Amino acid sequence: RRSIGVVGVSYGGAPTWILTRRNVWRSPRGRRVRLAAAVPITSWTDLVYALLPNGRGRDDTVAETDVEARQAQPPGVLKQSFVAALYLALNASSTKPFQLTDYLNTWYERVLEGEPYTDEVAADAFRKLLTKRSAYYISKRGGFQTPTLAVQGFTDLLFSAIEPLRMYQRLRAEDEGPPMSLYFGDWGHPLSQNKADETAYVARLVNRWLDFYLKGRGAVPSGV
């Protein structure tokens, strides 16, 4: 059995979260591989909330886990400048620059139109963002739990501190969950300052987490 670790920042943090839900698989050669350590950094667990926050996120309770009930909640106000930047980045980095698939263009144009989001295009976009791109609404497979260190910024205006807290509360309520630590600081997307000392501290936390859960080195990481 092979074990690997995954670190993902921002857009890369979302698939890192998702991999903790589908964390054992077979390699092309048939070998069983498991995700032994995960470090999602400044990312999301509910993409609809992250881009259109409705103010219902709380850190003292378990958020709605049923995707149908979640989709019934009204979206909030679009973070238009951030969404525009993400859309531009997707266009610029696609295999065919500025030739995104039609559905992404359609979704982008639709959210720019604003409320009410009661039409089929909006409903399709939100449902797929929840079920395909949001780890919180992706069902867990298998019994192995991946130790997870989440790094998030209190001052991050794009992906706020509620994103890892949402998953933390759910995992603790379900079965105490995997070994999990959270770090919150002045670090991430704007308006975070990302000072050199804090960046170095975050790097040490990540290295200690991977050293212990992948290599068995050092003391058991802990703390929030």
C-alpha atoms as a PDB file:
ATOM      1  CA  ARG A   1       0.000   0.000   0.000  1.00  0.00           C
ATOM      2  CA  ARG A   2       1.296   3.426  -0.964  1.00  0.00           C
ATOM      3  CA  SER A   3       0.627   6.581   1.047  1.00  0.00           C
ATOM      4  CA  ILE A   4       0.846  10.111  -0.281  1.00  0.00           C
ATOM      5  CA  GLY A   5       0.301  13.623   1.004  1.00  0.00           C
ATOM      6  CA  VAL A   6      -1.338  16.526  -0.781  1.00  0.00           C
ATOM      7  CA  VAL A   7      -0.900  20.269  -0.274  1.00  0.00           C
ATOM      8  CA  GLY A   8      -3.121  22.663  -2.212  1.00  0.00           C
ATOM      9  CA  VAL A   9      -3.351  26.451  -2.084  1.00  0.00           C
ATOM     10  CA  SER A  10      -6.430  28.502  -3.020  1.00  0.00           C
ATOM     11  CA  TYR A  11      -7.932  26.794  -6.097  1.00  0.00           C
ATOM     12  CA  GLY A  12      -5.718  23.798  -5.358  1.00  0.00           C
ATOM     13  CA  GLY A  13      -7.032  23.615  -1.810  1.00  0.00           C
ATOM     14  CA  ALA A  14     -10.526  22.641  -2.964  1.00  0.00           C
ATOM     15  CA  PRO A  15      -9.499  19.352  -4.620  1.00  0.00           C
ATOM     16  CA  THR A  16      -7.313  18.722  -1.571  1.00  0.00           C
ATOM     17  CA  TRP A  17     -10.434  18.927   0.612  1.00  0.00           C
ATOM     18  CA  ILE A  18     -12.313  16.716  -1.862  1.00  0.00           C
ATOM     19  CA  LEU A  19      -9.563  14.101  -1.762  1.00  0.00           C
ATOM     20  CA  THR A  20     -10.074  13.759   1.999  1.00  0.00           C
ATOM     21  CA  ARG A  21     -13.601  12.543   1.179  1.00  0.00           C
ATOM     22  CA  ARG A  22     -12.454  10.068  -1.504  1.00  0.00           C
ATOM     23  CA  ASN A  23      -9.087   9.214  -0.005  1.00  0.00           C
ATOM     24  CA  VAL A  24      -8.357   5.623  -1.045  1.00  0.00           C
ATOM     25  CA  TRP A  25      -8.030   4.516  -4.673  1.00  0.00           C
ATOM     26  CA  ARG A  26      -6.188   2.230  -7.067  1.00  0.00           C
ATOM     27  CA  SER A  27      -3.240   3.344  -9.144  1.00  0.00           C
ATOM     28  CA  PRO A  28      -3.161   2.560 -12.895  1.00  0.00           C
ATOM     29  CA  ARG A  29      -1.105  -0.506 -11.944  1.00  0.00           C
ATOM     30  CA  GLY A  30      -3.704  -1.654  -9.453  1.00  0.00           C
ATOM     31  CA  ARG A  31      -1.878  -0.680  -6.281  1.00  0.00           C
ATOM     32  CA  ARG A  32      -3.938   0.591  -3.376  1.00  0.00           C
ATOM     33  CA  VAL A  33      -3.084   4.201  -2.554  1.00  0.00           C
ATOM     34  CA  ARG A  34      -4.350   6.231   0.343  1.00  0.00           C
ATOM     35  CA  LEU A  35      -4.150   9.910   1.221  1.00  0.00           C
ATOM     36  CA  ALA A  36      -2.175   9.866   4.464  1.00  0.00           C
ATOM     37  CA  ALA A  37      -1.986  13.638   4.969  1.00  0.00           C
ATOM     38  CA  ALA A  38      -3.765  16.671   3.522  1.00  0.00           C
ATOM     39  CA  VAL A  39      -3.088  20.394   3.823  1.00  0.00           C
ATOM     40  CA  PRO A  40      -5.737  22.604   2.165  1.00  0.00           C
ATOM     41  CA  ILE A  41      -4.604  26.235   2.346  1.00  0.00           C
ATOM     42  CA  THR A  42      -6.832  29.325   2.002  1.00  0.00           C
ATOM     43  CA  SER A  43      -9.554  27.525   0.066  1.00  0.00           C
ATOM     44  CA  TRP A  44     -13.238  26.617   0.220  1.00  0.00           C
ATOM     45  CA  THR A  45     -15.511  23.768   1.281  1.00  0.00           C
ATOM     46  CA  ASP A  46     -18.747  25.371  -0.038  1.00  0.00           C
ATOM     47  CA  LEU A  47     -18.049  27.277  -3.248  1.00  0.00           C
ATOM     48  CA  VAL A  48     -21.492  28.830  -3.504  1.00  0.00           C
ATOM     49  CA  TYR A  49     -21.173  30.321  -0.016  1.00  0.00           C
ATOM     50  CA  ALA A  50     -17.610  31.419  -0.707  1.00  0.00           C
ATOM     51  CA  LEU A  51     -18.623  33.409  -3.812  1.00  0.00           C
ATOM     52  CA  LEU A  52     -22.166  34.427  -2.804  1.00  0.00           C
ATOM     53  CA  PRO A  53     -22.188  34.452   1.028  1.00  0.00           C
ATOM     54  CA  ASN A  54     -25.660  34.630   2.547  1.00  0.00           C
ATOM     55  CA  GLY A  55     -24.554  35.256   6.121  1.00  0.00           C
ATOM     56  CA  ARG A  56     -25.774  31.912   7.448  1.00  0.00           C
ATOM     57  CA  GLY A  57     -22.330  30.479   8.116  1.00  0.00           C
ATOM     58  CA  ARG A  58     -21.703  29.834  11.814  1.00  0.00           C
ATOM     59  CA  ASP A  59     -18.798  28.414  13.777  1.00  0.00           C
ATOM     60  CA  ASP A  60     -20.833  27.001  16.673  1.00  0.00           C
ATOM     61  CA  THR A  61     -23.061  24.515  14.873  1.00  0.00           C
ATOM     62  CA  VAL A  62     -23.053  21.945  12.082  1.00  0.00           C
ATOM     63  CA  ALA A  63     -24.117  23.438   8.757  1.00  0.00           C
ATOM     64  CA  GLU A  64     -26.811  21.782   6.660  1.00  0.00           C
ATOM     65  CA  THR A  65     -25.357  18.624   5.127  1.00  0.00           C
ATOM     66  CA  ASP A  66     -28.201  17.798   2.717  1.00  0.00           C
ATOM     67  CA  VAL A  67     -27.461  19.334  -0.654  1.00  0.00           C
ATOM     68  CA  GLU A  68     -31.140  19.795  -1.535  1.00  0.00           C
ATOM     69  CA  ALA A  69     -31.763  21.716   1.676  1.00  0.00           C
ATOM     70  CA  ARG A  70     -28.589  23.722   1.105  1.00  0.00           C
ATOM     71  CA  GLN A  71     -29.619  24.633  -2.417  1.00  0.00           C
ATOM     72  CA  ALA A  72     -33.001  25.800  -1.116  1.00  0.00           C
ATOM     73  CA  GLN A  73     -31.226  28.509   0.873  1.00  0.00           C
ATOM     74  CA  PRO A  74     -31.106  31.830  -0.978  1.00  0.00           C
ATOM     75  CA  PRO A  75     -27.663  32.816  -2.281  1.00  0.00           C
ATOM     76  CA  GLY A  76     -26.149  36.011  -0.953  1.00  0.00           C
ATOM     77  CA  VAL A  77     -24.396  38.929  -2.606  1.00  0.00           C
ATOM     78  CA  LEU A  78     -21.944  38.096  -5.375  1.00  0.00           C
ATOM     79  CA  LYS A  79     -18.279  38.930  -4.750  1.00  0.00           C
ATOM     80  CA  GLN A  80     -18.158  40.377  -8.232  1.00  0.00           C
ATOM     81  CA  SER A  81     -14.574  41.608  -8.332  1.00  0.00           C
ATOM     82  CA  PHE A  82     -13.229  38.279  -7.087  1.00  0.00           C
ATOM     83  CA  VAL A  83     -15.443  36.254  -9.408  1.00  0.00           C
ATOM     84  CA  ALA A  84     -14.302  38.387 -12.349  1.00  0.00           C
ATOM     85  CA  ALA A  85     -10.662  37.766 -11.376  1.00  0.00           C
ATOM     86  CA  LEU A  86     -11.260  34.013 -11.091  1.00  0.00           C
ATOM     87  CA  TYR A  87     -13.015  33.963 -14.462  1.00  0.00           C
ATOM     88  CA  LEU A  88     -10.114  35.835 -16.071  1.00  0.00           C
ATOM     89  CA  ALA A  89      -7.603  33.447 -14.475  1.00  0.00           C
ATOM     90  CA  LEU A  90      -9.531  30.422 -15.781  1.00  0.00           C
ATOM     91  CA  ASN A  91      -9.573  31.924 -19.254  1.00  0.00           C
ATOM     92  CA  ALA A  92      -5.881  32.795 -19.243  1.00  0.00           C
ATOM     93  CA  SER A  93      -4.760  29.397 -17.912  1.00  0.00           C
ATOM     94  CA  SER A  94      -7.042  27.137 -19.962  1.00  0.00           C
ATOM     95  CA  THR A  95      -5.578  24.801 -22.583  1.00  0.00           C
ATOM     96  CA  LYS A  96      -7.114  27.070 -25.201  1.00  0.00           C
ATOM     97  CA  PRO A  97      -6.755  30.570 -23.743  1.00  0.00           C
ATOM     98  CA  PHE A  98     -10.009  32.522 -23.640  1.00  0.00           C
ATOM     99  CA  GLN A  99     -11.959  29.593 -25.062  1.00  0.00           C
ATOM    100  CA  LEU A 100     -13.653  28.179 -21.980  1.00  0.00           C
ATOM    101  CA  THR A 101     -16.383  25.579 -22.271  1.00  0.00           C
ATOM    102  CA  ASP A 102     -19.804  27.062 -22.929  1.00  0.00           C
ATOM    103  CA  TYR A 103     -21.311  26.211 -19.560  1.00  0.00           C
ATOM    104  CA  LEU A 104     -18.711  28.249 -17.668  1.00  0.00           C
ATOM    105  CA  ASN A 105     -19.366  31.280 -19.840  1.00  0.00           C
ATOM    106  CA  THR A 106     -23.112  30.797 -19.367  1.00  0.00           C
ATOM    107  CA  TRP A 107     -22.792  30.515 -15.590  1.00  0.00           C
ATOM    108  CA  TYR A 108     -20.585  33.604 -15.402  1.00  0.00           C
ATOM    109  CA  GLU A 109     -22.952  35.695 -17.478  1.00  0.00           C
ATOM    110  CA  ARG A 110     -25.889  34.481 -15.402  1.00  0.00           C
ATOM    111  CA  VAL A 111     -24.467  35.408 -11.985  1.00  0.00           C
ATOM    112  CA  LEU A 112     -23.550  38.845 -13.298  1.00  0.00           C
ATOM    113  CA  GLU A 113     -27.242  39.413 -13.988  1.00  0.00           C
ATOM    114  CA  GLY A 114     -27.920  39.127 -10.275  1.00  0.00           C
ATOM    115  CA  GLU A 115     -30.970  38.108  -8.297  1.00  0.00           C
ATOM    116  CA  PRO A 116     -33.352  36.393  -8.292  1.00  0.00           C
ATOM    117  CA  TYR A 117     -31.525  33.114  -8.898  1.00  0.00           C
ATOM    118  CA  THR A 118     -34.671  31.089  -9.510  1.00  0.00           C
ATOM    119  CA  ASP A 119     -34.131  30.050 -13.129  1.00  0.00           C
ATOM    120  CA  GLU A 120     -32.819  26.729 -14.447  1.00  0.00           C
ATOM    121  CA  VAL A 121     -29.388  28.083 -15.396  1.00  0.00           C
ATOM    122  CA  ALA A 122     -28.709  29.378 -11.887  1.00  0.00           C
ATOM    123  CA  ALA A 123     -30.087  26.224 -10.268  1.00  0.00           C
ATOM    124  CA  ASP A 124     -27.872  24.031 -12.458  1.00  0.00           C
ATOM    125  CA  ALA A 125     -24.797  26.128 -11.701  1.00  0.00           C
ATOM    126  CA  PHE A 126     -25.317  26.141  -7.942  1.00  0.00           C
ATOM    127  CA  ARG A 127     -26.111  22.438  -7.739  1.00  0.00           C
ATOM    128  CA  LYS A 128     -22.987  21.435  -9.662  1.00  0.00           C
ATOM    129  CA  LEU A 129     -20.791  23.832  -7.699  1.00  0.00           C
ATOM    130  CA  LEU A 130     -22.071  22.181  -4.521  1.00  0.00           C
ATOM    131  CA  THR A 131     -22.015  18.520  -5.569  1.00  0.00           C
ATOM    132  CA  LYS A 132     -18.904  18.547  -7.775  1.00  0.00           C
ATOM    133  CA  ARG A 133     -16.694  21.311  -6.388  1.00  0.00           C
ATOM    134  CA  SER A 134     -17.551  21.593  -2.673  1.00  0.00           C
ATOM    135  CA  ALA A 135     -16.057  18.977  -0.350  1.00  0.00           C
ATOM    136  CA  TYR A 136     -18.665  19.546   2.345  1.00  0.00           C
ATOM    137  CA  TYR A 137     -21.387  18.074   0.109  1.00  0.00           C
ATOM    138  CA  ILE A 138     -19.357  15.166  -1.250  1.00  0.00           C
ATOM    139  CA  SER A 139     -20.099  11.940   0.613  1.00  0.00           C
ATOM    140  CA  LYS A 140     -17.260  10.177   2.406  1.00  0.00           C
ATOM    141  CA  ARG A 141     -16.193   6.811   1.030  1.00  0.00           C
ATOM    142  CA  GLY A 142     -14.399   4.200   3.108  1.00  0.00           C
ATOM    143  CA  GLY A 143     -13.392   4.145   6.735  1.00  0.00           C
ATOM    144  CA  PHE A 144      -9.910   5.646   6.499  1.00  0.00           C
ATOM    145  CA  GLN A 145      -9.736   9.216   7.784  1.00  0.00           C
ATOM    146  CA  THR A 146      -7.060  11.530   6.398  1.00  0.00           C
ATOM    147  CA  PRO A 147      -5.227  13.700   8.949  1.00  0.00           C
ATOM    148  CA  THR A 148      -5.841  17.269   7.803  1.00  0.00           C
ATOM    149  CA  LEU A 149      -4.163  20.587   8.552  1.00  0.00           C
ATOM    150  CA  ALA A 150      -6.215  23.534   7.304  1.00  0.00           C
ATOM    151  CA  VAL A 151      -4.632  26.975   6.932  1.00  0.00           C
ATOM    152  CA  GLN A 152      -6.990  29.922   6.546  1.00  0.00           C
ATOM    153  CA  GLY A 153      -6.913  33.696   6.889  1.00  0.00           C
ATOM    154  CA  PHE A 154      -9.043  35.731   9.265  1.00  0.00           C
ATOM    155  CA  THR A 155      -8.375  38.646   6.921  1.00  0.00           C
ATOM    156  CA  ASP A 156      -8.977  36.719   3.680  1.00  0.00           C
ATOM    157  CA  LEU A 157     -11.894  38.388   1.876  1.00  0.00           C
ATOM    158  CA  LEU A 158     -12.209  35.700  -0.790  1.00  0.00           C
ATOM    159  CA  PHE A 159     -12.286  32.469   1.225  1.00  0.00           C
ATOM    160  CA  SER A 160     -13.139  33.308   4.811  1.00  0.00           C
ATOM    161  CA  ALA A 161     -12.423  31.459   8.050  1.00  0.00           C
ATOM    162  CA  ILE A 162     -15.831  29.738   7.969  1.00  0.00           C
ATOM    163  CA  GLU A 163     -14.676  27.427   5.152  1.00  0.00           C
ATOM    164  CA  PRO A 164     -12.502  25.022   7.207  1.00  0.00           C
ATOM    165  CA  LEU A 165     -14.615  25.539  10.330  1.00  0.00           C
ATOM    166  CA  ARG A 166     -17.648  24.214   8.446  1.00  0.00           C
ATOM    167  CA  MET A 167     -15.874  20.930   7.763  1.00  0.00           C
ATOM    168  CA  TYR A 168     -14.297  20.781  11.223  1.00  0.00           C
ATOM    169  CA  GLN A 169     -17.699  21.024  12.940  1.00  0.00           C
ATOM    170  CA  ARG A 170     -19.187  18.325  10.727  1.00  0.00           C
ATOM    171  CA  LEU A 171     -16.337  15.858  11.191  1.00  0.00           C
ATOM    172  CA  ARG A 172     -16.329  16.309  14.954  1.00  0.00           C
ATOM    173  CA  ALA A 173     -20.093  15.820  15.140  1.00  0.00           C
ATOM    174  CA  GLU A 174     -20.075  12.674  12.996  1.00  0.00           C
ATOM    175  CA  ASP A 175     -17.409  10.514  14.616  1.00  0.00           C
ATOM    176  CA  GLU A 176     -14.750  12.727  16.140  1.00  0.00           C
ATOM    177  CA  GLY A 177     -13.277  12.790  12.666  1.00  0.00           C
ATOM    178  CA  PRO A 178      -9.629  12.427  11.636  1.00  0.00           C
ATOM    179  CA  PRO A 179      -6.677  14.117  13.353  1.00  0.00           C
ATOM    180  CA  MET A 180      -7.222  17.744  12.389  1.00  0.00           C
ATOM    181  CA  SER A 181      -5.565  21.063  13.142  1.00  0.00           C
ATOM    182  CA  LEU A 182      -6.573  24.563  12.088  1.00  0.00           C
ATOM    183  CA  TYR A 183      -4.386  27.615  11.696  1.00  0.00           C
ATOM    184  CA  PHE A 184      -5.925  31.064  11.294  1.00  0.00           C
ATOM    185  CA  GLY A 185      -3.883  34.181  10.703  1.00  0.00           C
ATOM    186  CA  ASP A 186      -3.314  37.303   8.669  1.00  0.00           C
ATOM    187  CA  TRP A 187      -2.528  35.164   5.664  1.00  0.00           C
ATOM    188  CA  GLY A 188      -4.161  34.341   2.340  1.00  0.00           C
ATOM    189  CA  HIS A 189      -5.904  36.380  -0.340  1.00  0.00           C
ATOM    190  CA  PRO A 190      -6.390  40.156  -0.011  1.00  0.00           C
ATOM    191  CA  LEU A 191      -6.602  41.884   2.391  1.00  0.00           C
ATOM    192  CA  SER A 192      -4.211  39.522   4.169  1.00  0.00           C
ATOM    193  CA  GLN A 193      -0.712  40.928   4.632  1.00  0.00           C
ATOM    194  CA  ASN A 194       1.209  37.639   4.298  1.00  0.00           C
ATOM    195  CA  LYS A 195       4.208  38.866   6.253  1.00  0.00           C
ATOM    196  CA  ALA A 196       7.443  36.956   5.884  1.00  0.00           C
ATOM    197  CA  ASP A 197       7.573  35.744   9.502  1.00  0.00           C
ATOM    198  CA  GLU A 198       4.058  34.323   9.347  1.00  0.00           C
ATOM    199  CA  THR A 199       4.702  32.731   5.960  1.00  0.00           C
ATOM    200  CA  ALA A 200       7.747  30.980   7.411  1.00  0.00           C
ATOM    201  CA  TYR A 201       5.686  29.844  10.414  1.00  0.00           C
ATOM    202  CA  VAL A 202       2.977  28.396   8.162  1.00  0.00           C
ATOM    203  CA  ALA A 203       5.638  26.555   6.150  1.00  0.00           C
ATOM    204  CA  ARG A 204       6.986  24.978   9.348  1.00  0.00           C
ATOM    205  CA  LEU A 205       3.497  23.845  10.366  1.00  0.00           C
ATOM    206  CA  VAL A 206       2.968  22.219   6.967  1.00  0.00           C
ATOM    207  CA  ASN A 207       6.344  20.476   7.034  1.00  0.00           C
ATOM    208  CA  ARG A 208       5.778  19.148  10.556  1.00  0.00           C
ATOM    209  CA  TRP A 209       2.378  17.790   9.550  1.00  0.00           C
ATOM    210  CA  LEU A 210       3.748  15.979   6.513  1.00  0.00           C
ATOM    211  CA  ASP A 211       6.829  14.754   8.360  1.00  0.00           C
ATOM    212  CA  PHE A 212       4.733  13.109  11.059  1.00  0.00           C
ATOM    213  CA  TYR A 213       1.884  11.622   9.022  1.00  0.00           C
ATOM    214  CA  LEU A 214       3.939  10.598   5.994  1.00  0.00           C
ATOM    215  CA  LYS A 215       7.332   9.772   7.496  1.00  0.00           C
ATOM    216  CA  GLY A 216       6.553   9.150  11.160  1.00  0.00           C
ATOM    217  CA  ARG A 217       9.023  11.821  12.240  1.00  0.00           C
ATOM    218  CA  GLY A 218       8.663  14.288  15.125  1.00  0.00           C
ATOM    219  CA  ALA A 219       5.958  14.795  17.730  1.00  0.00           C
ATOM    220  CA  VAL A 220       2.222  14.474  17.115  1.00  0.00           C
ATOM    221  CA  PRO A 221       1.043  17.833  15.670  1.00  0.00           C
ATOM    222  CA  SER A 222      -1.849  19.405  17.546  1.00  0.00           C
ATOM    223  CA  GLY A 223      -3.642  22.657  18.231  1.00  0.00           C
ATOM    224  CA  VAL A 224      -6.033  25.074  16.604  1.00  0.00           C
END
